[in-house]
Amino acid sequence: MASGTQQQAKYSYAVLGGMILVAIAVCLLWQLASALIFAVPAPLKTLEAFSGIGSELGPAVQATFGNAAAAFALAVVVGTILGVLIGRSPYWYTVFSPLVVVGGATPKIIIYPILLLLLGLGHSSVIAMGFIGGIFSILINVMVAIRTMKPVYAKVVRSLNVRPWRAFTRVYLPAVSLPLLTGIRLCFGLTVVNVIFAELFAAKNGMGKVIMDYYGVGRYAEMMAMISILFIVAMGGSITLWSLERHIKGRVS
């Protein structure tokens, strides 16, 4: 047991070291790019620009990650429920699986103009964009996990005549917990990316809109500062979900 804990600790330190090396490599490439491309400011100049975005940072971050949080929560809940319902039925799984796979591979930005017509220019269309971008990773993982789980779980539900909600929470969710966590981690990143795409394309506020405004007036250092904040927050959330996934996998195994 102690040996396993030590190996896990060594692996965690190795991952941390790898992340630090990647961060150093990114900074070096960033510095090189700033010398070759006029629109890319150097890392130090970007750090200095943080003081110039204070008044716009709070509202932009609140709008972007508020929309992303709402879209993420909807995608996880709806995707999980639909994934279980479709995965339980061989017929509906055969009908919907090609559509879900194609929908997951389709660039979501092409449907944003339709969302703007339906929902208008505001939070609703941005949240819908993030929701559509994130739900497919949940759907695909849960559907496949339900179809490949041990048949004894479904037999227990049928033989004991378990109520649907109780079967969902006590049988199906625990059975697909690991694939679901993987889908949730992917969903988080895809939701944030699609919310930013929506704000870049057309939005009243948010980090994407501010980034485009900075680009339009040539404030490239402030633009990179805003992009850096977005990257750090999104990366932090992804690492947190990845750590949770590894922790649960370790307990299950």
Protein backbone atom coordinates (compact mmCIF):
# COMPACT_ATOMS: atom_id res chain seq x y z
CA MET A 1 0.00 0.00 0.00
CA ALA A 2 2.82 2.37 0.96
CA SER A 3 4.67 1.47 -2.22
CA GLY A 4 1.60 2.32 -4.30
CA THR A 5 1.26 5.67 -2.52
CA GLN A 6 4.92 6.47 -3.18
CA GLN A 7 4.55 5.59 -6.85
CA GLN A 8 1.48 7.81 -7.11
CA ALA A 9 3.37 10.67 -5.44
CA LYS A 10 6.32 10.24 -7.81
CA TYR A 11 3.97 10.23 -10.77
CA SER A 12 2.29 13.43 -9.54
CA TYR A 13 5.67 15.14 -9.16
CA ALA A 14 6.67 13.95 -12.63
CA VAL A 15 3.45 15.39 -14.10
CA LEU A 16 4.06 18.69 -12.28
CA GLY A 17 7.62 18.79 -13.59
CA GLY A 18 6.38 18.10 -17.11
CA MET A 19 3.86 20.94 -16.84
CA ILE A 20 6.60 23.34 -15.69
CA LEU A 21 8.82 22.35 -18.62
CA VAL A 22 5.93 22.84 -21.04
CA ALA A 23 5.22 26.28 -19.53
CA ILE A 24 8.89 27.27 -19.97
CA ALA A 25 8.86 26.05 -23.58
CA VAL A 26 5.67 28.04 -24.27
CA CYS A 27 7.24 31.19 -22.84
CA LEU A 28 10.36 30.74 -25.00
CA LEU A 29 8.26 30.20 -28.13
CA TRP A 30 6.14 33.20 -27.16
CA GLN A 31 9.28 35.35 -26.87
CA LEU A 32 10.48 34.10 -30.26
CA ALA A 33 7.10 34.81 -31.87
CA SER A 34 7.11 38.36 -30.47
CA ALA A 35 10.39 39.00 -32.29
CA LEU A 36 8.95 37.77 -35.59
CA ILE A 37 5.33 38.99 -35.50
CA PHE A 38 4.51 42.58 -34.64
CA ALA A 39 1.04 41.74 -33.31
CA VAL A 40 2.44 39.36 -30.66
CA PRO A 41 3.79 41.29 -27.65
CA ALA A 42 6.63 39.86 -25.56
CA PRO A 43 5.75 38.09 -22.27
CA LEU A 44 7.15 40.92 -20.13
CA LYS A 45 5.20 43.53 -22.09
CA THR A 46 2.07 41.42 -21.63
CA LEU A 47 2.65 41.34 -17.86
CA GLU A 48 2.94 45.13 -17.83
CA ALA A 49 -0.38 45.36 -19.70
CA PHE A 50 -2.29 43.69 -16.87
CA SER A 51 -2.52 47.04 -15.11
CA GLY A 52 -4.35 48.49 -18.10
CA ILE A 53 -7.26 46.04 -18.14
CA GLY A 54 -8.39 46.32 -14.53
CA SER A 55 -11.62 48.20 -15.20
CA GLU A 56 -12.74 45.81 -17.95
CA LEU A 57 -11.50 42.55 -16.45
CA GLY A 58 -14.13 42.00 -13.75
CA PRO A 59 -17.28 42.38 -15.88
CA ALA A 60 -15.72 40.42 -18.77
CA VAL A 61 -14.65 37.49 -16.58
CA GLN A 62 -18.03 37.46 -14.81
CA ALA A 63 -19.93 37.39 -18.11
CA THR A 64 -17.76 34.73 -19.78
CA PHE A 65 -17.46 32.28 -16.94
CA GLY A 66 -21.03 32.87 -15.79
CA ASN A 67 -22.21 31.85 -19.26
CA ALA A 68 -19.72 28.97 -19.36
CA ALA A 69 -20.83 27.70 -15.92
CA ALA A 70 -24.50 27.72 -16.93
CA ALA A 71 -23.76 25.99 -20.24
CA PHE A 72 -21.49 23.44 -18.54
CA ALA A 73 -24.07 22.54 -15.89
CA LEU A 74 -26.81 22.14 -18.50
CA ALA A 75 -24.57 20.03 -20.74
CA VAL A 76 -23.59 17.68 -17.89
CA VAL A 77 -27.14 17.19 -16.60
CA VAL A 78 -28.90 16.87 -19.96
CA GLY A 79 -26.07 14.89 -21.56
CA THR A 80 -25.95 12.39 -18.70
CA ILE A 81 -29.70 11.80 -18.66
CA LEU A 82 -29.97 11.47 -22.45
CA GLY A 83 -26.86 9.26 -22.57
CA VAL A 84 -28.38 6.82 -20.07
CA LEU A 85 -31.79 6.80 -21.79
CA ILE A 86 -30.33 6.24 -25.26
CA GLY A 87 -27.72 3.75 -24.08
CA ARG A 88 -30.28 1.57 -22.29
CA SER A 89 -32.15 0.85 -25.53
CA PRO A 90 -30.39 -1.04 -28.35
CA TYR A 91 -32.90 0.40 -30.81
CA TRP A 92 -32.46 4.08 -29.83
CA TYR A 93 -28.70 3.61 -29.52
CA THR A 94 -28.57 2.36 -33.12
CA VAL A 95 -30.77 5.25 -34.29
CA PHE A 96 -29.02 8.08 -32.45
CA SER A 97 -25.36 7.05 -32.27
CA PRO A 98 -24.52 8.10 -35.88
CA LEU A 99 -26.25 11.44 -35.34
CA VAL A 100 -24.42 12.03 -32.06
CA VAL A 101 -21.03 11.19 -33.56
CA VAL A 102 -21.61 13.49 -36.55
CA GLY A 103 -22.91 16.24 -34.27
CA GLY A 104 -19.84 15.95 -32.07
CA ALA A 105 -17.51 16.29 -35.06
CA THR A 106 -19.34 19.26 -36.62
CA PRO A 107 -17.86 22.72 -35.89
CA LYS A 108 -20.42 24.38 -33.66
CA ILE A 109 -19.63 27.93 -34.78
CA ILE A 110 -21.57 27.34 -38.01
CA ILE A 111 -24.86 27.17 -36.08
CA TYR A 112 -24.27 30.34 -34.04
CA PRO A 113 -26.00 32.61 -36.60
CA ILE A 114 -29.10 30.43 -36.23
CA LEU A 115 -28.89 30.75 -32.43
CA LEU A 116 -28.63 34.52 -32.79
CA LEU A 117 -31.82 34.57 -34.89
CA LEU A 118 -33.67 32.36 -32.41
CA LEU A 119 -32.38 33.72 -29.08
CA GLY A 120 -31.05 37.18 -29.91
CA LEU A 121 -27.79 38.91 -29.05
CA GLY A 122 -27.26 38.22 -25.36
CA HIS A 123 -26.52 35.62 -22.70
CA SER A 124 -29.06 33.09 -24.00
CA SER A 125 -27.40 32.57 -27.38
CA VAL A 126 -23.91 32.37 -25.81
CA ILE A 127 -25.06 29.81 -23.22
CA ALA A 128 -26.79 27.79 -25.95
CA MET A 129 -23.57 27.82 -27.97
CA GLY A 130 -21.55 26.55 -25.01
CA PHE A 131 -24.19 23.93 -24.21
CA ILE A 132 -24.20 22.54 -27.76
CA GLY A 133 -20.42 22.54 -27.83
CA GLY A 134 -20.09 20.57 -24.59
CA ILE A 135 -22.98 18.11 -24.53
CA PHE A 136 -21.65 15.71 -27.17
CA SER A 137 -18.62 14.64 -25.11
CA ILE A 138 -20.98 13.65 -22.28
CA LEU A 139 -23.46 11.93 -24.59
CA ILE A 140 -20.87 9.83 -26.42
CA ASN A 141 -19.06 8.69 -23.26
CA VAL A 142 -22.23 7.83 -21.33
CA MET A 143 -23.98 6.11 -24.26
CA VAL A 144 -21.02 3.85 -24.98
CA ALA A 145 -20.46 3.14 -21.27
CA ILE A 146 -24.09 2.08 -20.79
CA ARG A 147 -23.94 -0.21 -23.83
CA THR A 148 -20.69 -1.85 -22.62
CA MET A 149 -21.43 -2.12 -18.90
CA LYS A 150 -21.95 -5.52 -17.30
CA PRO A 151 -25.40 -6.94 -18.23
CA VAL A 152 -26.01 -7.91 -14.60
CA TYR A 153 -26.76 -4.26 -13.71
CA ALA A 154 -29.65 -4.06 -16.17
CA LYS A 155 -30.91 -7.49 -15.05
CA VAL A 156 -30.99 -6.33 -11.42
CA VAL A 157 -33.00 -3.24 -12.37
CA ARG A 158 -35.54 -5.32 -14.30
CA SER A 159 -35.80 -8.19 -11.80
CA LEU A 160 -36.30 -5.91 -8.78
CA ASN A 161 -38.56 -3.51 -10.71
CA VAL A 162 -36.49 -0.54 -9.57
CA ARG A 163 -38.06 2.87 -10.17
CA PRO A 164 -36.45 4.81 -13.05
CA TRP A 165 -34.97 7.65 -10.98
CA ARG A 166 -33.62 5.25 -8.35
CA ALA A 167 -32.14 3.03 -11.07
CA PHE A 168 -30.54 6.10 -12.64
CA THR A 169 -28.91 7.32 -9.42
CA ARG A 170 -28.11 3.98 -7.75
CA VAL A 171 -27.24 1.72 -10.69
CA TYR A 172 -26.48 3.48 -13.96
CA LEU A 173 -24.56 6.52 -12.67
CA PRO A 174 -22.14 4.47 -10.53
CA ALA A 175 -21.67 2.05 -13.43
CA VAL A 176 -20.59 4.83 -15.81
CA SER A 177 -18.85 7.11 -13.30
CA LEU A 178 -15.37 6.91 -14.84
CA PRO A 179 -16.41 7.49 -18.49
CA LEU A 180 -18.73 10.23 -17.24
CA LEU A 181 -15.84 11.99 -15.48
CA THR A 182 -13.79 11.83 -18.67
CA GLY A 183 -16.71 13.31 -20.58
CA ILE A 184 -17.13 16.04 -17.96
CA ARG A 185 -13.45 17.00 -18.25
CA LEU A 186 -13.74 17.24 -22.04
CA CYS A 187 -17.06 19.05 -21.73
CA PHE A 188 -15.52 21.77 -19.56
CA GLY A 189 -12.89 22.70 -22.13
CA LEU A 190 -15.28 22.52 -25.08
CA THR A 191 -17.88 24.62 -23.28
CA VAL A 192 -15.41 27.39 -22.50
CA VAL A 193 -14.01 27.34 -26.06
CA ASN A 194 -17.46 27.60 -27.65
CA VAL A 195 -18.53 30.39 -25.30
CA ILE A 196 -15.42 32.35 -26.32
CA PHE A 197 -16.14 31.65 -30.01
CA ALA A 198 -19.65 33.02 -29.54
CA GLU A 199 -18.33 36.16 -27.84
CA LEU A 200 -15.75 36.67 -30.59
CA PHE A 201 -18.43 36.36 -33.25
CA ALA A 202 -21.19 38.49 -31.71
CA ALA A 203 -21.90 39.32 -28.07
CA LYS A 204 -22.72 42.31 -25.89
CA ASN A 205 -19.98 41.56 -23.33
CA GLY A 206 -17.49 38.93 -22.21
CA MET A 207 -13.80 38.19 -22.57
CA GLY A 208 -14.12 37.26 -26.23
CA LYS A 209 -15.70 40.62 -27.07
CA VAL A 210 -13.04 42.50 -25.10
CA ILE A 211 -10.29 40.57 -26.89
CA MET A 212 -11.77 41.54 -30.27
CA ASP A 213 -12.11 45.17 -29.16
CA TYR A 214 -8.44 45.24 -28.14
CA TYR A 215 -7.45 43.67 -31.45
CA GLY A 216 -9.50 46.20 -33.41
CA VAL A 217 -7.72 49.20 -31.86
CA GLY A 218 -4.23 47.63 -31.87
CA ARG A 219 -3.92 47.08 -28.09
CA TYR A 220 -2.13 43.79 -28.59
CA ALA A 221 -0.48 43.64 -25.16
CA GLU A 222 -3.84 44.02 -23.40
CA MET A 223 -5.31 41.44 -25.81
CA MET A 224 -2.61 38.91 -24.87
CA ALA A 225 -3.09 39.67 -21.17
CA MET A 226 -6.79 38.86 -21.47
CA ILE A 227 -6.01 35.68 -23.43
CA SER A 228 -3.50 34.66 -20.74
CA ILE A 229 -6.10 35.07 -17.99
CA LEU A 230 -8.58 33.02 -19.98
CA PHE A 231 -5.98 30.29 -20.56
CA ILE A 232 -4.93 30.15 -16.89
CA VAL A 233 -8.49 29.89 -15.57
CA ALA A 234 -9.52 27.29 -18.16
CA MET A 235 -6.34 25.27 -17.56
CA GLY A 236 -6.89 25.40 -13.80
CA GLY A 237 -10.40 24.01 -14.15
CA SER A 238 -9.22 21.27 -16.50
CA ILE A 239 -6.40 20.22 -14.14
CA THR A 240 -8.80 20.17 -11.19
CA LEU A 241 -11.20 17.87 -13.05
CA TRP A 242 -8.30 15.68 -14.21
CA SER A 243 -7.07 15.33 -10.60
CA LEU A 244 -10.58 14.38 -9.46
CA GLU A 245 -10.80 11.80 -12.23
CA ARG A 246 -7.45 10.24 -11.23
CA HIS A 247 -8.46 10.20 -7.58
CA ILE A 248 -11.71 8.36 -8.28
CA LYS A 249 -9.95 5.95 -10.65
CA GLY A 250 -7.45 5.17 -7.88
CA ARG A 251 -10.25 4.43 -5.41
CA VAL A 252 -12.12 2.24 -7.88
CA SER A 253 -9.03 0.25 -8.86
